[in-house]
Amino acid sequence: MGRQAPDFRLESLDGHQISLADYAGQVILINFWATWCPPCKEEIPTIERAYQAHRDEKFMVVGINEGEALDIVRAFAGELGMTYPVLIDKRGNVAAQYRRRGLPLTVIVDRDGVVQIRHEGYLTAGQLDKYLSGLLP
């Protein structure tokens, strides 16, 4: 918290290389999750709704799955209607950079690239709204 967010470059489900720097100047929500994680599955629709509601306000969501097979992640993302970029952290390097201890983990980065929120565990709609209200217009 209060430090520059570590940059990374990972492959998306559609095969593109995406880095955090690609979204410079935006508020970025980074969500670490897995298909086998019940709280992750429960919070993803809340994150998707926030993305749809705020994406025109320079708000980006990046979902990071750690090490699961591409076909499993792709099917899961389709089932939940995830429209934001979903990236695969094959070796867990990005999770280690962000000191992920458990799942889910949500990190919110401000427009200057500084980590403002680190939320470990299930994220409710109310919590997300509160976090975003201080960062979005």
Foldseek 3Di string as FASTA:
>chain_A
DQAFQDKDWFAWLVGDIDIPVVLAQAKEKEKEAEPVDVLVLVQVLLVQVVCVVCVVQSYAYEYEYEADDSVVVVVSCVVSVPPGTYGYNNHCPSVVSVVPDDPIWMWIAANNRTTDDIDHTHDDNVNVCVVVVVRTD
